[in-house]
Protein backbone atom coordinates (compact mmCIF):
# COMPACT_ATOMS: atom_id res chain seq x y z
CA MET A 1 72.04 9.56 15.16
CA LEU A 2 70.91 12.81 13.58
CA GLU A 3 73.45 14.73 11.54
CA LYS A 4 73.22 18.31 10.40
CA GLY A 5 73.54 18.63 6.64
CA LYS A 6 72.54 21.10 3.95
CA GLY A 7 70.04 23.01 6.09
CA ALA A 8 68.06 19.95 7.16
CA LEU A 9 68.47 17.22 9.72
CA SER A 10 69.19 13.86 8.20
CA MET A 11 69.52 10.26 9.27
CA GLY A 12 72.29 8.90 7.11
CA ASN A 13 71.26 9.54 3.50
CA VAL A 14 67.56 10.29 4.06
CA THR A 15 66.63 13.95 4.34
CA GLY A 16 63.15 15.33 4.60
CA LYS A 17 61.57 18.74 4.29
CA VAL A 18 57.99 19.51 5.27
CA ILE A 19 56.35 20.60 2.03
CA GLY A 20 52.67 20.54 2.88
CA PHE A 21 49.85 19.32 5.08
CA GLU A 22 46.65 17.35 4.75
CA LEU A 23 43.48 17.85 6.73
CA SER A 24 41.48 14.65 6.64
CA SER A 25 37.73 14.82 7.25
CA GLN A 26 34.60 12.84 6.54
CA GLU A 27 33.06 16.23 5.61
CA PRO A 28 35.73 17.87 3.45
CA GLU A 29 33.38 20.44 1.89
CA LYS A 30 32.43 21.67 5.37
CA ALA A 31 36.12 21.89 6.34
CA ILE A 32 36.92 23.82 3.15
CA LYS A 33 34.12 26.30 3.85
CA PHE A 34 35.35 26.80 7.42
CA TYR A 35 39.03 27.40 6.56
CA SER A 36 38.13 29.55 3.55
CA ASN A 37 35.80 31.74 5.63
CA VAL A 38 38.11 32.03 8.64
CA PHE A 39 41.57 32.23 7.00
CA GLY A 40 40.89 33.03 3.35
CA TRP A 41 42.31 29.73 2.08
CA LYS A 42 41.51 28.93 -1.55
CA ALA A 43 40.55 25.43 -2.68
CA ALA A 44 41.15 24.02 -6.16
CA GLU A 45 38.65 21.78 -7.91
CA PRO A 46 38.48 18.34 -6.28
CA ASN A 47 40.51 15.39 -7.50
CA TRP A 48 39.61 11.99 -5.95
CA ASP A 49 37.81 13.65 -2.99
CA TYR A 50 40.93 15.79 -2.41
CA TRP A 51 41.12 19.56 -2.73
CA SER A 52 44.51 21.28 -3.05
CA ILE A 53 44.65 24.29 -0.74
CA SER A 54 46.48 27.59 -1.17
CA THR A 55 46.99 29.25 2.21
CA GLY A 56 48.25 32.58 0.90
CA GLU A 57 50.32 34.42 -1.67
CA GLU A 58 53.30 32.55 -3.08
CA GLU A 59 55.64 35.37 -2.00
CA SER A 60 54.68 35.00 1.66
CA ILE A 61 56.13 32.43 4.04
CA GLY A 62 53.90 29.44 4.61
CA ILE A 63 52.95 25.95 3.49
CA ASN A 64 50.13 24.96 1.18
CA GLY A 65 48.33 21.67 1.53
CA GLY A 66 45.07 19.93 0.94
CA ILE A 67 41.78 18.82 2.43
CA GLY A 68 40.49 15.37 1.62
CA LYS A 69 37.88 12.87 2.62
CA GLY A 70 39.69 10.53 4.98
CA PRO A 71 39.32 6.77 4.68
CA SER A 72 37.45 4.97 7.43
CA ASP A 73 40.62 3.89 9.26
CA HIS A 74 41.84 7.50 9.69
CA PRO A 75 38.71 9.61 9.15
CA HIS A 76 40.00 12.91 10.54
CA GLY A 77 43.17 14.65 11.62
CA THR A 78 46.16 16.56 10.31
CA ARG A 79 49.29 15.15 8.70
CA ILE A 80 52.40 16.87 7.49
CA GLN A 81 53.88 15.78 4.17
CA ILE A 82 57.63 15.17 4.18
CA GLN A 83 59.43 15.17 0.84
CA VAL A 84 62.24 12.62 0.52
CA ASP A 85 64.66 11.61 -2.23
CA SER A 86 63.93 7.89 -1.79
CA ILE A 87 60.55 6.88 -0.39
CA ASP A 88 61.63 3.23 -0.16
CA GLU A 89 64.67 4.11 1.96
CA ALA A 90 62.64 6.49 4.13
CA ILE A 91 59.96 3.83 4.76
CA THR A 92 62.63 1.27 5.69
CA LYS A 93 64.36 3.66 8.12
CA ALA A 94 61.04 4.75 9.61
CA LYS A 95 60.02 1.11 10.22
CA GLU A 96 63.44 0.34 11.75
CA ASN A 97 62.83 3.21 14.16
CA GLY A 98 59.35 2.12 15.25
CA ALA A 99 56.97 3.59 12.65
CA VAL A 100 53.89 1.72 11.47
CA ILE A 101 52.77 1.86 7.83
CA LEU A 102 49.14 2.89 7.27
CA ARG A 103 49.37 3.04 3.46
CA ASP A 104 52.45 1.59 1.79
CA LYS A 105 53.99 3.28 -1.24
CA MET A 106 51.30 4.38 -3.69
CA GLU A 107 52.04 5.57 -7.22
CA PHE A 108 50.47 8.67 -8.76
CA ASP A 109 51.23 10.43 -12.05
CA ASP A 110 53.99 12.70 -10.72
CA PHE A 111 54.90 11.28 -7.30
CA TYR A 112 54.91 8.38 -4.84
CA LEU A 113 53.11 8.71 -1.49
CA ALA A 114 52.96 6.67 1.72
CA TYR A 115 51.28 7.25 5.09
CA LEU A 116 52.92 6.21 8.35
CA VAL A 117 52.48 6.68 12.10
CA ASP A 118 55.51 7.44 14.25
CA PRO A 119 56.17 5.56 17.53
CA THR A 120 54.24 8.23 19.48
CA GLY A 121 51.08 7.91 17.36
CA ILE A 122 51.55 10.94 15.11
CA GLY A 123 50.62 10.35 11.47
CA PHE A 124 52.66 11.74 8.59
CA GLY A 125 53.03 11.35 4.86
CA LEU A 126 56.13 10.68 2.78
CA ILE A 127 56.26 11.98 -0.77
CA GLN A 128 58.84 11.43 -3.51
CA ASN A 129 58.61 13.26 -6.81
CA LYS A 130 59.22 11.19 -9.93
């Protein structure tokens, strides 16, 4: 059951806030050019075929994200990134509620990341800062 708490909906102890998005493409440079030309988005230098994206001024409302070359099993699409306090707990609760794991917990320098698909087929990412 969902409970209201501290400005976000939570399931027990897991809370999640959308902090970004990822556009996955087999042609990321083409996608970057399109979104930059149409919306004025700015791309950082690539890191592992992934470009961080700034969608506007920091003072304005909005979410930044990234564009990356998608792996062959999910070559294109959009995912939101949900920040959680415990990625392990969030993965467990998501699985208990019908989610499928595409990429289990991965470790990066400053964060952990996992990719899942909800019971309706919508992909999303979980991120936990270290």
